[in-house]
Every structure is written in structure tokens, then in C-alpha cells.
PDB file of N, CA and C in Angstrom:
ATOM      1  N   MET A   1      19.706  27.196  -3.141  1.00  0.00           N
ATOM      2  CA  MET A   1      19.617  28.227  -4.153  1.00  0.00           C
ATOM      3  C   MET A   1      18.338  29.022  -3.895  1.00  0.00           C
ATOM      4  N   ARG A   2      18.461  30.314  -3.812  1.00  0.00           N
ATOM      5  CA  ARG A   2      17.306  31.177  -3.576  1.00  0.00           C
ATOM      6  C   ARG A   2      16.429  31.242  -4.816  1.00  0.00           C
ATOM      7  N   LEU A   3      15.148  31.483  -4.550  1.00  0.00           N
ATOM      8  CA  LEU A   3      14.201  31.634  -5.638  1.00  0.00           C
ATOM      9  C   LEU A   3      14.579  32.838  -6.485  1.00  0.00           C
ATOM     10  N   GLY A   4      14.669  32.665  -7.777  1.00  0.00           N
ATOM     11  CA  GLY A   4      14.983  33.762  -8.678  1.00  0.00           C
ATOM     12  C   GLY A   4      16.471  33.976  -8.906  1.00  0.00           C
ATOM     13  N   ASN A   5      17.314  33.140  -8.356  1.00  0.00           N
ATOM     14  CA  ASN A   5      18.754  33.292  -8.554  1.00  0.00           C
ATOM     15  C   ASN A   5      19.138  32.571  -9.852  1.00  0.00           C
ATOM     16  N   PHE A   6      18.985  33.290 -10.951  1.00  0.00           N
ATOM     17  CA  PHE A   6      19.173  32.712 -12.281  1.00  0.00           C
ATOM     18  C   PHE A   6      20.608  32.245 -12.496  1.00  0.00           C
ATOM     19  N   ALA A   7      21.588  33.036 -12.057  1.00  0.00           N
ATOM     20  CA  ALA A   7      23.000  32.694 -12.292  1.00  0.00           C
ATOM     21  C   ALA A   7      23.373  31.401 -11.579  1.00  0.00           C
ATOM     22  N   ALA A   8      22.907  31.219 -10.343  1.00  0.00           N
ATOM     23  CA  ALA A   8      23.223  29.999  -9.597  1.00  0.00           C
ATOM     24  C   ALA A   8      22.530  28.802 -10.232  1.00  0.00           C
ATOM     25  N   GLY A   9      21.289  28.983 -10.691  1.00  0.00           N
ATOM     26  CA  GLY A   9      20.574  27.898 -11.352  1.00  0.00           C
ATOM     27  C   GLY A   9      21.243  27.494 -12.648  1.00  0.00           C
ATOM     28  N   LYS A  10      21.677  28.494 -13.410  1.00  0.00           N
ATOM     29  CA  LYS A  10      22.360  28.213 -14.673  1.00  0.00           C
ATOM     30  C   LYS A  10      23.662  27.459 -14.420  1.00  0.00           C
ATOM     31  N   SER A  11      24.390  27.875 -13.407  1.00  0.00           N
ATOM     32  CA  SER A  11      25.644  27.208 -13.071  1.00  0.00           C
ATOM     33  C   SER A  11      25.409  25.772 -12.617  1.00  0.00           C
ATOM     34  N   ALA A  12      24.395  25.565 -11.779  1.00  0.00           N
ATOM     35  CA  ALA A  12      24.090  24.213 -11.314  1.00  0.00           C
ATOM     36  C   ALA A  12      23.692  23.327 -12.484  1.00  0.00           C
ATOM     37  N   PHE A  13      22.890  23.858 -13.402  1.00  0.00           N
ATOM     38  CA  PHE A  13      22.473  23.086 -14.567  1.00  0.00           C
ATOM     39  C   PHE A  13      23.667  22.716 -15.443  1.00  0.00           C
ATOM     40  N   LYS A  14      24.535  23.688 -15.720  1.00  0.00           N
ATOM     41  CA  LYS A  14      25.697  23.416 -16.573  1.00  0.00           C
ATOM     42  C   LYS A  14      26.611  22.374 -15.949  1.00  0.00           C
ATOM     43  N   HIS A  15      26.860  22.492 -14.636  1.00  0.00           N
ATOM     44  CA  HIS A  15      27.723  21.515 -13.984  1.00  0.00           C
ATOM     45  C   HIS A  15      27.067  20.133 -13.940  1.00  0.00           C
ATOM     46  N   GLY A  16      25.771  20.094 -13.670  1.00  0.00           N
ATOM     47  CA  GLY A  16      25.071  18.817 -13.658  1.00  0.00           C
ATOM     48  C   GLY A  16      25.058  18.161 -15.023  1.00  0.00           C
ATOM     49  N   LEU A  17      24.844  18.963 -16.063  1.00  0.00           N
ATOM     50  CA  LEU A  17      24.834  18.415 -17.423  1.00  0.00           C
ATOM     51  C   LEU A  17      26.220  17.911 -17.810  1.00  0.00           C
ATOM     52  N   PHE A  18      27.244  18.635 -17.410  1.00  0.00           N
ATOM     53  CA  PHE A  18      28.612  18.187 -17.678  1.00  0.00           C
ATOM     54  C   PHE A  18      28.886  16.852 -16.979  1.00  0.00           C
ATOM     55  N   LEU A  19      28.494  16.753 -15.695  1.00  0.00           N
ATOM     56  CA  LEU A  19      28.717  15.511 -14.951  1.00  0.00           C
ATOM     57  C   LEU A  19      27.928  14.354 -15.560  1.00  0.00           C
ATOM     58  N   CYS A  20      26.701  14.622 -15.993  1.00  0.00           N
ATOM     59  CA  CYS A  20      25.901  13.572 -16.629  1.00  0.00           C
ATOM     60  C   CYS A  20      26.523  13.123 -17.941  1.00  0.00           C
ATOM     61  N   THR A  21      27.051  14.056 -18.711  1.00  0.00           N
ATOM     62  CA  THR A  21      27.693  13.705 -19.978  1.00  0.00           C
ATOM     63  C   THR A  21      28.933  12.849 -19.731  1.00  0.00           C
ATOM     64  N   VAL A  22      29.749  13.245 -18.764  1.00  0.00           N
ATOM     65  CA  VAL A  22      30.947  12.468 -18.433  1.00  0.00           C
ATOM     66  C   VAL A  22      30.550  11.079 -17.943  1.00  0.00           C
ATOM     67  N   LEU A  23      29.536  11.011 -17.083  1.00  0.00           N
ATOM     68  CA  LEU A  23      29.074   9.716 -16.590  1.00  0.00           C
ATOM     69  C   LEU A  23      28.545   8.854 -17.732  1.00  0.00           C
ATOM     70  N   GLY A  24      27.793   9.448 -18.649  1.00  0.00           N
ATOM     71  CA  GLY A  24      27.283   8.704 -19.797  1.00  0.00           C
ATOM     72  C   GLY A  24      28.396   8.138 -20.652  1.00  0.00           C
ATOM     73  N   VAL A  25      29.418   8.935 -20.902  1.00  0.00           N
ATOM     74  CA  VAL A  25      30.550   8.467 -21.706  1.00  0.00           C
ATOM     75  C   VAL A  25      31.308   7.360 -20.974  1.00  0.00           C
ATOM     76  N   LEU A  26      31.497   7.517 -19.661  1.00  0.00           N
ATOM     77  CA  LEU A  26      32.192   6.480 -18.895  1.00  0.00           C
ATOM     78  C   LEU A  26      31.400   5.170 -18.889  1.00  0.00           C
ATOM     79  N   LEU A  27      30.090   5.249 -18.717  1.00  0.00           N
ATOM     80  CA  LEU A  27      29.272   4.039 -18.759  1.00  0.00           C
ATOM     81  C   LEU A  27      29.290   3.406 -20.144  1.00  0.00           C
ATOM     82  N   PHE A  28      29.264   4.245 -21.192  1.00  0.00           N
ATOM     83  CA  PHE A  28      29.375   3.735 -22.558  1.00  0.00           C
ATOM     84  C   PHE A  28      30.671   2.944 -22.721  1.00  0.00           C
ATOM     85  N   LEU A  29      31.769   3.534 -22.288  1.00  0.00           N
ATOM     86  CA  LEU A  29      33.063   2.856 -22.421  1.00  0.00           C
ATOM     87  C   LEU A  29      33.110   1.578 -21.601  1.00  0.00           C
ATOM     88  N   LEU A  30      32.530   1.614 -20.405  1.00  0.00           N
ATOM     89  CA  LEU A  30      32.532   0.426 -19.550  1.00  0.00           C
ATOM     90  C   LEU A  30      31.783  -0.725 -20.212  1.00  0.00           C
ATOM     91  N   VAL A  31      30.599  -0.458 -20.727  1.00  0.00           N
ATOM     92  CA  VAL A  31      29.820  -1.516 -21.375  1.00  0.00           C
ATOM     93  C   VAL A  31      30.483  -1.941 -22.684  1.00  0.00           C
ATOM     94  N   PHE A  32      30.940  -0.966 -23.453  1.00  0.00           N
ATOM     95  CA  PHE A  32      31.534  -1.267 -24.754  1.00  0.00           C
ATOM     96  C   PHE A  32      32.812  -2.086 -24.617  1.00  0.00           C
ATOM     97  N   LEU A  33      33.642  -1.729 -23.638  1.00  0.00           N
ATOM     98  CA  LEU A  33      34.914  -2.437 -23.474  1.00  0.00           C
ATOM     99  C   LEU A  33      34.763  -3.747 -22.702  1.00  0.00           C
ATOM    100  N   ALA A  34      33.646  -3.929 -22.019  1.00  0.00           N
ATOM    101  CA  ALA A  34      33.437  -5.163 -21.250  1.00  0.00           C
ATOM    102  C   ALA A  34      32.849  -6.285 -22.094  1.00  0.00           C
ATOM    103  N   LYS A  35      32.532  -6.011 -23.343  1.00  0.00           N
ATOM    104  CA  LYS A  35      31.935  -7.053 -24.192  1.00  0.00           C
ATOM    105  C   LYS A  35      32.789  -8.324 -24.291  1.00  0.00           C
ATOM    106  N   PRO A  36      34.118  -8.227 -24.389  1.00  0.00           N
ATOM    107  CA  PRO A  36      34.904  -9.471 -24.445  1.00  0.00           C
ATOM    108  C   PRO A  36      34.767 -10.334 -23.186  1.00  0.00           C
ATOM    109  N   LEU A  37      34.356  -9.740 -22.071  1.00  0.00           N
ATOM    110  CA  LEU A  37      34.166 -10.526 -20.856  1.00  0.00           C
ATOM    111  C   LEU A  37      32.996 -11.503 -20.978  1.00  0.00           C
ATOM    112  N   MET A  38      32.118 -11.248 -21.940  1.00  0.00           N
ATOM    113  CA  MET A  38      30.983 -12.148 -22.148  1.00  0.00           C
ATOM    114  C   MET A  38      31.460 -13.572 -22.455  1.00  0.00           C
ATOM    115  N   TYR A  39      32.578 -13.688 -23.140  1.00  0.00           N
ATOM    116  CA  TYR A  39      33.089 -15.009 -23.486  1.00  0.00           C
ATOM    117  C   TYR A  39      33.604 -15.752 -22.256  1.00  0.00           C
ATOM    118  N   LEU A  40      33.975 -15.019 -21.199  1.00  0.00           N
ATOM    119  CA  LEU A  40      34.496 -15.639 -19.982  1.00  0.00           C
ATOM    120  C   LEU A  40      33.397 -16.048 -19.007  1.00  0.00           C
ATOM    121  N   MET A  41      32.151 -15.772 -19.321  1.00  0.00           N
ATOM    122  CA  MET A  41      31.037 -16.050 -18.406  1.00  0.00           C
ATOM    123  C   MET A  41      30.415 -17.424 -18.623  1.00  0.00           C
ATOM    124  N   LYS A  42      31.100 -18.280 -19.366  1.00  0.00           N
ATOM    125  CA  LYS A  42      30.665 -19.660 -19.604  1.00  0.00           C
ATOM    126  C   LYS A  42      29.277 -19.718 -20.244  1.00  0.00           C
ATOM    127  N   GLN A  43      29.019 -18.796 -21.151  1.00  0.00           N
ATOM    128  CA  GLN A  43      27.780 -18.805 -21.921  1.00  0.00           C
ATOM    129  C   GLN A  43      28.065 -19.452 -23.277  1.00  0.00           C
ATOM    130  N   PRO A  44      27.049 -20.045 -23.887  1.00  0.00           N
ATOM    131  CA  PRO A  44      27.263 -20.585 -25.236  1.00  0.00           C
ATOM    132  C   PRO A  44      27.687 -19.468 -26.193  1.00  0.00           C
ATOM    133  N   VAL A  45      28.560 -19.807 -27.103  1.00  0.00           N
ATOM    134  CA  VAL A  45      29.091 -18.819 -28.042  1.00  0.00           C
ATOM    135  C   VAL A  45      27.961 -18.192 -28.859  1.00  0.00           C
ATOM    136  N   GLU A  46      26.933 -18.988 -29.189  1.00  0.00           N
ATOM    137  CA  GLU A  46      25.815 -18.449 -29.963  1.00  0.00           C
ATOM    138  C   GLU A  46      25.092 -17.334 -29.205  1.00  0.00           C
ATOM    139  N   VAL A  47      24.954 -17.511 -27.897  1.00  0.00           N
ATOM    140  CA  VAL A  47      24.295 -16.496 -27.070  1.00  0.00           C
ATOM    141  C   VAL A  47      25.142 -15.228 -27.020  1.00  0.00           C
ATOM    142  N   VAL A  48      26.431 -15.403 -26.860  1.00  0.00           N
ATOM    143  CA  VAL A  48      27.332 -14.242 -26.799  1.00  0.00           C
ATOM    144  C   VAL A  48      27.300 -13.489 -28.119  1.00  0.00           C
ATOM    145  N   GLU A  49      27.314 -14.219 -29.226  1.00  0.00           N
ATOM    146  CA  GLU A  49      27.294 -13.566 -30.536  1.00  0.00           C
ATOM    147  C   GLU A  49      26.005 -12.774 -30.742  1.00  0.00           C
ATOM    148  N   LEU A  50      24.890 -13.261 -30.201  1.00  0.00           N
ATOM    149  CA  LEU A  50      23.630 -12.519 -30.301  1.00  0.00           C
ATOM    150  C   LEU A  50      23.568 -11.358 -29.314  1.00  0.00           C
ATOM    151  N   ALA A  51      24.260 -11.487 -28.195  1.00  0.00           N
ATOM    152  CA  ALA A  51      24.221 -10.446 -27.162  1.00  0.00           C
ATOM    153  C   ALA A  51      25.105  -9.245 -27.505  1.00  0.00           C
ATOM    154  N   ILE A  52      26.160  -9.439 -28.253  1.00  0.00           N
ATOM    155  CA  ILE A  52      27.106  -8.354 -28.560  1.00  0.00           C
ATOM    156  C   ILE A  52      26.426  -7.198 -29.298  1.00  0.00           C
ATOM    157  N   PRO A  53      25.653  -7.432 -30.372  1.00  0.00           N
ATOM    158  CA  PRO A  53      24.981  -6.289 -31.011  1.00  0.00           C
ATOM    159  C   PRO A  53      24.002  -5.582 -30.075  1.00  0.00           C
ATOM    160  N   TYR A  54      23.324  -6.349 -29.224  1.00  0.00           N
ATOM    161  CA  TYR A  54      22.421  -5.743 -28.253  1.00  0.00           C
ATOM    162  C   TYR A  54      23.194  -4.840 -27.300  1.00  0.00           C
ATOM    163  N   LEU A  55      24.336  -5.300 -26.829  1.00  0.00           N
ATOM    164  CA  LEU A  55      25.155  -4.484 -25.924  1.00  0.00           C
ATOM    165  C   LEU A  55      25.667  -3.223 -26.611  1.00  0.00           C
ATOM    166  N   ASN A  56      25.900  -3.294 -27.917  1.00  0.00           N
ATOM    167  CA  ASN A  56      26.285  -2.076 -28.647  1.00  0.00           C
ATOM    168  C   ASN A  56      25.182  -1.032 -28.567  1.00  0.00           C
ATOM    169  N   PHE A  57      23.936  -1.455 -28.773  1.00  0.00           N
ATOM    170  CA  PHE A  57      22.806  -0.518 -28.678  1.00  0.00           C
ATOM    171  C   PHE A  57      22.643  -0.001 -27.259  1.00  0.00           C
ATOM    172  N   VAL A  58      22.799  -0.878 -26.281  1.00  0.00           N
ATOM    173  CA  VAL A  58      22.684  -0.451 -24.883  1.00  0.00           C
ATOM    174  C   VAL A  58      23.766   0.571 -24.563  1.00  0.00           C
ATOM    175  N   ALA A  59      24.988   0.304 -24.991  1.00  0.00           N
ATOM    176  CA  ALA A  59      26.094   1.224 -24.708  1.00  0.00           C
ATOM    177  C   ALA A  59      25.839   2.586 -25.342  1.00  0.00           C
ATOM    178  N   LEU A  60      25.397   2.592 -26.597  1.00  0.00           N
ATOM    179  CA  LEU A  60      25.132   3.864 -27.271  1.00  0.00           C
ATOM    180  C   LEU A  60      23.963   4.621 -26.649  1.00  0.00           C
ATOM    181  N   SER A  61      22.982   3.898 -26.163  1.00  0.00           N
ATOM    182  CA  SER A  61      21.813   4.567 -25.590  1.00  0.00           C
ATOM    183  C   SER A  61      22.077   5.128 -24.197  1.00  0.00           C
ATOM    184  N   LEU A  62      23.153   4.709 -23.552  1.00  0.00           N
ATOM    185  CA  LEU A  62      23.445   5.208 -22.211  1.00  0.00           C
ATOM    186  C   LEU A  62      23.754   6.700 -22.199  1.00  0.00           C
ATOM    187  N   ILE A  63      24.425   7.186 -23.222  1.00  0.00           N
ATOM    188  CA  ILE A  63      24.801   8.607 -23.231  1.00  0.00           C
ATOM    189  C   ILE A  63      23.556   9.494 -23.276  1.00  0.00           C
ATOM    190  N   PRO A  64      22.639   9.323 -24.255  1.00  0.00           N
ATOM    191  CA  PRO A  64      21.455  10.180 -24.235  1.00  0.00           C
ATOM    192  C   PRO A  64      20.555   9.940 -23.025  1.00  0.00           C
ATOM    193  N   LEU A  65      20.524   8.713 -22.500  1.00  0.00           N
ATOM    194  CA  LEU A  65      19.707   8.431 -21.325  1.00  0.00           C
ATOM    195  C   LEU A  65      20.193   9.231 -20.123  1.00  0.00           C
ATOM    196  N   ILE A  66      21.485   9.233 -19.886  1.00  0.00           N
ATOM    197  CA  ILE A  66      22.035   9.942 -18.729  1.00  0.00           C
ATOM    198  C   ILE A  66      21.896  11.450 -18.912  1.00  0.00           C
ATOM    199  N   VAL A  67      22.083  11.955 -20.130  1.00  0.00           N
ATOM    200  CA  VAL A  67      21.893  13.393 -20.386  1.00  0.00           C
ATOM    201  C   VAL A  67      20.427  13.771 -20.162  1.00  0.00           C
ATOM    202  N   PHE A  68      19.489  12.929 -20.628  1.00  0.00           N
ATOM    203  CA  PHE A  68      18.069  13.183 -20.361  1.00  0.00           C
ATOM    204  C   PHE A  68      17.814  13.232 -18.866  1.00  0.00           C
ATOM    205  N   GLN A  69      18.430  12.333 -18.109  1.00  0.00           N
ATOM    206  CA  GLN A  69      18.260  12.340 -16.658  1.00  0.00           C
ATOM    207  C   GLN A  69      18.735  13.659 -16.051  1.00  0.00           C
ATOM    208  N   GLY A  70      19.816  14.210 -16.572  1.00  0.00           N
ATOM    209  CA  GLY A  70      20.288  15.507 -16.089  1.00  0.00           C
ATOM    210  C   GLY A  70      19.249  16.595 -16.306  1.00  0.00           C
ATOM    211  N   PHE A  71      18.678  16.636 -17.508  1.00  0.00           N
ATOM    212  CA  PHE A  71      17.623  17.607 -17.795  1.00  0.00           C
ATOM    213  C   PHE A  71      16.403  17.364 -16.912  1.00  0.00           C
ATOM    214  N   LYS A  72      16.019  16.096 -16.779  1.00  0.00           N
ATOM    215  CA  LYS A  72      14.826  15.753 -16.010  1.00  0.00           C
ATOM    216  C   LYS A  72      14.993  16.119 -14.544  1.00  0.00           C
ATOM    217  N   GLN A  73      16.116  15.789 -13.956  1.00  0.00           N
ATOM    218  CA  GLN A  73      16.316  16.073 -12.544  1.00  0.00           C
ATOM    219  C   GLN A  73      16.355  17.581 -12.276  1.00  0.00           C
ATOM    220  N   PHE A  74      16.967  18.340 -13.172  1.00  0.00           N
ATOM    221  CA  PHE A  74      16.988  19.794 -13.007  1.00  0.00           C
ATOM    222  C   PHE A  74      15.574  20.355 -13.111  1.00  0.00           C
ATOM    223  N   SER A  75      14.826  19.869 -14.086  1.00  0.00           N
ATOM    224  CA  SER A  75      13.447  20.313 -14.253  1.00  0.00           C
ATOM    225  C   SER A  75      12.602  19.929 -13.043  1.00  0.00           C
ATOM    226  N   ASP A  76      12.788  18.726 -12.538  1.00  0.00           N
ATOM    227  CA  ASP A  76      12.060  18.300 -11.344  1.00  0.00           C
ATOM    228  C   ASP A  76      12.429  19.172 -10.141  1.00  0.00           C
ATOM    229  N   GLY A  77      13.680  19.534 -10.044  1.00  0.00           N
ATOM    230  CA  GLY A  77      14.132  20.395  -8.948  1.00  0.00           C
ATOM    231  C   GLY A  77      13.488  21.772  -8.985  1.00  0.00           C
ATOM    232  N   LEU A  78      13.105  22.224 -10.164  1.00  0.00           N
ATOM    233  CA  LEU A  78      12.429  23.514 -10.303  1.00  0.00           C
ATOM    234  C   LEU A  78      10.905  23.362 -10.235  1.00  0.00           C
ATOM    235  N   SER A  79      10.436  22.168  -9.887  1.00  0.00           N
ATOM    236  CA  SER A  79       9.004  21.846  -9.806  1.00  0.00           C
ATOM    237  C   SER A  79       8.308  21.987 -11.159  1.00  0.00           C
ATOM    238  N   MET A  80       9.048  21.768 -12.236  1.00  0.00           N
ATOM    239  CA  MET A  80       8.476  21.770 -13.583  1.00  0.00           C
ATOM    240  C   MET A  80       8.481  20.315 -14.066  1.00  0.00           C
ATOM    241  N   THR A  81       7.559  19.526 -13.540  1.00  0.00           N
ATOM    242  CA  THR A  81       7.590  18.088 -13.768  1.00  0.00           C
ATOM    243  C   THR A  81       6.728  17.625 -14.935  1.00  0.00           C
ATOM    244  N   ARG A  82       5.921  18.509 -15.481  1.00  0.00           N
ATOM    245  CA  ARG A  82       4.960  18.105 -16.517  1.00  0.00           C
ATOM    246  C   ARG A  82       5.654  17.589 -17.782  1.00  0.00           C
ATOM    247  N   TYR A  83       6.594  18.339 -18.330  1.00  0.00           N
ATOM    248  CA  TYR A  83       7.202  17.943 -19.603  1.00  0.00           C
ATOM    249  C   TYR A  83       8.102  16.717 -19.486  1.00  0.00           C
ATOM    250  N   PRO A  84       8.895  16.582 -18.427  1.00  0.00           N
ATOM    251  CA  PRO A  84       9.625  15.312 -18.291  1.00  0.00           C
ATOM    252  C   PRO A  84       8.686  14.110 -18.140  1.00  0.00           C
ATOM    253  N   MET A  85       7.550  14.321 -17.471  1.00  0.00           N
ATOM    254  CA  MET A  85       6.583  13.235 -17.346  1.00  0.00           C
ATOM    255  C   MET A  85       6.024  12.860 -18.711  1.00  0.00           C
ATOM    256  N   TYR A  86       5.681  13.858 -19.524  1.00  0.00           N
ATOM    257  CA  TYR A  86       5.181  13.584 -20.871  1.00  0.00           C
ATOM    258  C   TYR A  86       6.223  12.825 -21.692  1.00  0.00           C
ATOM    259  N   ALA A  87       7.473  13.251 -21.608  1.00  0.00           N
ATOM    260  CA  ALA A  87       8.539  12.581 -22.363  1.00  0.00           C
ATOM    261  C   ALA A  87       8.687  11.128 -21.920  1.00  0.00           C
ATOM    262  N   THR A  88       8.592  10.881 -20.624  1.00  0.00           N
ATOM    263  CA  THR A  88       8.713   9.520 -20.105  1.00  0.00           C
ATOM    264  C   THR A  88       7.541   8.655 -20.551  1.00  0.00           C
ATOM    265  N   ILE A  89       6.335   9.204 -20.515  1.00  0.00           N
ATOM    266  CA  ILE A  89       5.158   8.444 -20.944  1.00  0.00           C
ATOM    267  C   ILE A  89       5.243   8.117 -22.434  1.00  0.00           C
ATOM    268  N   VAL A  90       5.607   9.105 -23.249  1.00  0.00           N
ATOM    269  CA  VAL A  90       5.728   8.866 -24.694  1.00  0.00           C
ATOM    270  C   VAL A  90       6.800   7.819 -24.981  1.00  0.00           C
ATOM    271  N   ALA A  91       7.944   7.907 -24.279  1.00  0.00           N
ATOM    272  CA  ALA A  91       9.019   6.928 -24.482  1.00  0.00           C
ATOM    273  C   ALA A  91       8.558   5.531 -24.106  1.00  0.00           C
ATOM    274  N   ASN A  92       7.788   5.395 -23.038  1.00  0.00           N
ATOM    275  CA  ASN A  92       7.294   4.067 -22.637  1.00  0.00           C
ATOM    276  C   ASN A  92       6.277   3.527 -23.632  1.00  0.00           C
ATOM    277  N   VAL A  93       5.416   4.374 -24.168  1.00  0.00           N
ATOM    278  CA  VAL A  93       4.452   3.921 -25.179  1.00  0.00           C
ATOM    279  C   VAL A  93       5.196   3.454 -26.429  1.00  0.00           C
ATOM    280  N   ILE A  94       6.179   4.232 -26.859  1.00  0.00           N
ATOM    281  CA  ILE A  94       6.986   3.830 -28.026  1.00  0.00           C
ATOM    282  C   ILE A  94       7.704   2.514 -27.746  1.00  0.00           C
ATOM    283  N   ASN A  95       8.208   2.347 -26.528  1.00  0.00           N
ATOM    284  CA  ASN A  95       8.899   1.120 -26.147  1.00  0.00           C
ATOM    285  C   ASN A  95       7.963  -0.086 -26.236  1.00  0.00           C
ATOM    286  N   VAL A  96       6.742   0.058 -25.742  1.00  0.00           N
ATOM    287  CA  VAL A  96       5.780  -1.050 -25.798  1.00  0.00           C
ATOM    288  C   VAL A  96       5.460  -1.398 -27.248  1.00  0.00           C
ATOM    289  N   ILE A  97       5.229  -0.391 -28.074  1.00  0.00           N
ATOM    290  CA  ILE A  97       4.904  -0.640 -29.483  1.00  0.00           C
ATOM    291  C   ILE A  97       6.069  -1.319 -30.200  1.00  0.00           C
ATOM    292  N   LEU A  98       7.274  -0.793 -30.000  1.00  0.00           N
ATOM    293  CA  LEU A  98       8.438  -1.400 -30.659  1.00  0.00           C
ATOM    294  C   LEU A  98       8.716  -2.802 -30.145  1.00  0.00           C
ATOM    295  N   ASN A  99       8.497  -3.032 -28.849  1.00  0.00           N
ATOM    296  CA  ASN A  99       8.652  -4.394 -28.328  1.00  0.00           C
ATOM    297  C   ASN A  99       7.707  -5.348 -29.031  1.00  0.00           C
ATOM    298  N   TYR A 100       6.465  -4.959 -29.171  1.00  0.00           N
ATOM    299  CA  TYR A 100       5.482  -5.804 -29.855  1.00  0.00           C
ATOM    300  C   TYR A 100       5.911  -6.084 -31.295  1.00  0.00           C
ATOM    301  N   VAL A 101       6.299  -5.026 -31.997  1.00  0.00           N
ATOM    302  CA  VAL A 101       6.677  -5.170 -33.404  1.00  0.00           C
ATOM    303  C   VAL A 101       7.916  -6.040 -33.553  1.00  0.00           C
ATOM    304  N   LEU A 102       8.921  -5.818 -32.724  1.00  0.00           N
ATOM    305  CA  LEU A 102      10.185  -6.527 -32.894  1.00  0.00           C
ATOM    306  C   LEU A 102      10.171  -7.933 -32.295  1.00  0.00           C
ATOM    307  N   ILE A 103       9.441  -8.134 -31.207  1.00  0.00           N
ATOM    308  CA  ILE A 103       9.416  -9.474 -30.591  1.00  0.00           C
ATOM    309  C   ILE A 103       8.589 -10.441 -31.444  1.00  0.00           C
ATOM    310  N   PHE A 104       7.439  -9.976 -31.884  1.00  0.00           N
ATOM    311  CA  PHE A 104       6.535 -10.871 -32.628  1.00  0.00           C
ATOM    312  C   PHE A 104       6.689 -10.762 -34.146  1.00  0.00           C
ATOM    313  N   GLY A 105       7.600  -9.940 -34.623  1.00  0.00           N
ATOM    314  CA  GLY A 105       7.888  -9.871 -36.051  1.00  0.00           C
ATOM    315  C   GLY A 105       6.763  -9.300 -36.879  1.00  0.00           C
ATOM    316  N   LYS A 106       6.210  -8.207 -36.457  1.00  0.00           N
ATOM    317  CA  LYS A 106       5.118  -7.580 -37.197  1.00  0.00           C
ATOM    318  C   LYS A 106       5.681  -6.587 -38.209  1.00  0.00           C
ATOM    319  N   PHE A 107       4.869  -6.253 -39.205  1.00  0.00           N
ATOM    320  CA  PHE A 107       5.204  -5.240 -40.228  1.00  0.00           C
ATOM    321  C   PHE A 107       6.493  -5.551 -40.969  1.00  0.00           C
ATOM    322  N   GLY A 108       6.740  -6.839 -41.217  1.00  0.00           N
ATOM    323  CA  GLY A 108       7.892  -7.228 -41.998  1.00  0.00           C
ATOM    324  C   GLY A 108       9.173  -7.455 -41.226  1.00  0.00           C
ATOM    325  N   PHE A 109       9.175  -7.197 -39.909  1.00  0.00           N
ATOM    326  CA  PHE A 109      10.367  -7.440 -39.099  1.00  0.00           C
ATOM    327  C   PHE A 109      10.447  -8.923 -38.735  1.00  0.00           C
ATOM    328  N   PRO A 110      11.633  -9.485 -38.673  1.00  0.00           N
ATOM    329  CA  PRO A 110      11.738 -10.880 -38.247  1.00  0.00           C
ATOM    330  C   PRO A 110      11.438 -11.000 -36.754  1.00  0.00           C
ATOM    331  N   SER A 111      10.841 -12.127 -36.381  1.00  0.00           N
ATOM    332  CA  SER A 111      10.516 -12.294 -34.951  1.00  0.00           C
ATOM    333  C   SER A 111      11.748 -12.749 -34.185  1.00  0.00           C
TER     334      SER A 111
END
């Protein structure tokens, strides 16, 4: 794509975002529909029962994650890496804080 070719860039972005959305939905369905296979993996039933709600969150988070990747990769391709980097750093800081709060049961959350 030539520098300054706005129409080609817009088209590439739209197609990439569409493909990322389709991929996100397919991955969501794959994880969501594969949950019954957990019972066939010879795991204790208690573990499977605790893992199912977690897999629901993982499945739901796949769609926005893949769409974010589409935006990030397009932005990186245009050498505009600052804002995706900021978003990634903020998300990791939030992840560390929430891990601490939820794992150790702080601020009223069960451990």
C-alpha cells in the first residue's frame, strides 16, 4: 500500500476487522461448545464445575481480545504504536491488581 493511499488503507482495515470479528466469534463458539468435553478429560467433577464458569469468561473475552488485536495490528502497521502500547500496559496493570484482589480475597472478595 502506497503512502497516503487512504482508500486502500480503509479497505484493508475494514477487511481485517471483519476477519478478526469472525475469528473471535468462531473461537468463542469453539470454547463455549467444547465445555462438555471437560467431563471426558478424566478430571474430578469438582474441578470441572469450577472450570466451567471460568471458561465462560474466557470465551466471552475472546471476541473483544481478537477485535483489539485487529486494531492494534493495523495501528502497528501504520507505525502508530504508542496508543496500543499504552492500552496494553494499562490492561496488564489492571490485570495484576485484579489478580491480587481476587486471588488473595482483598476488599471483601472471597479468596
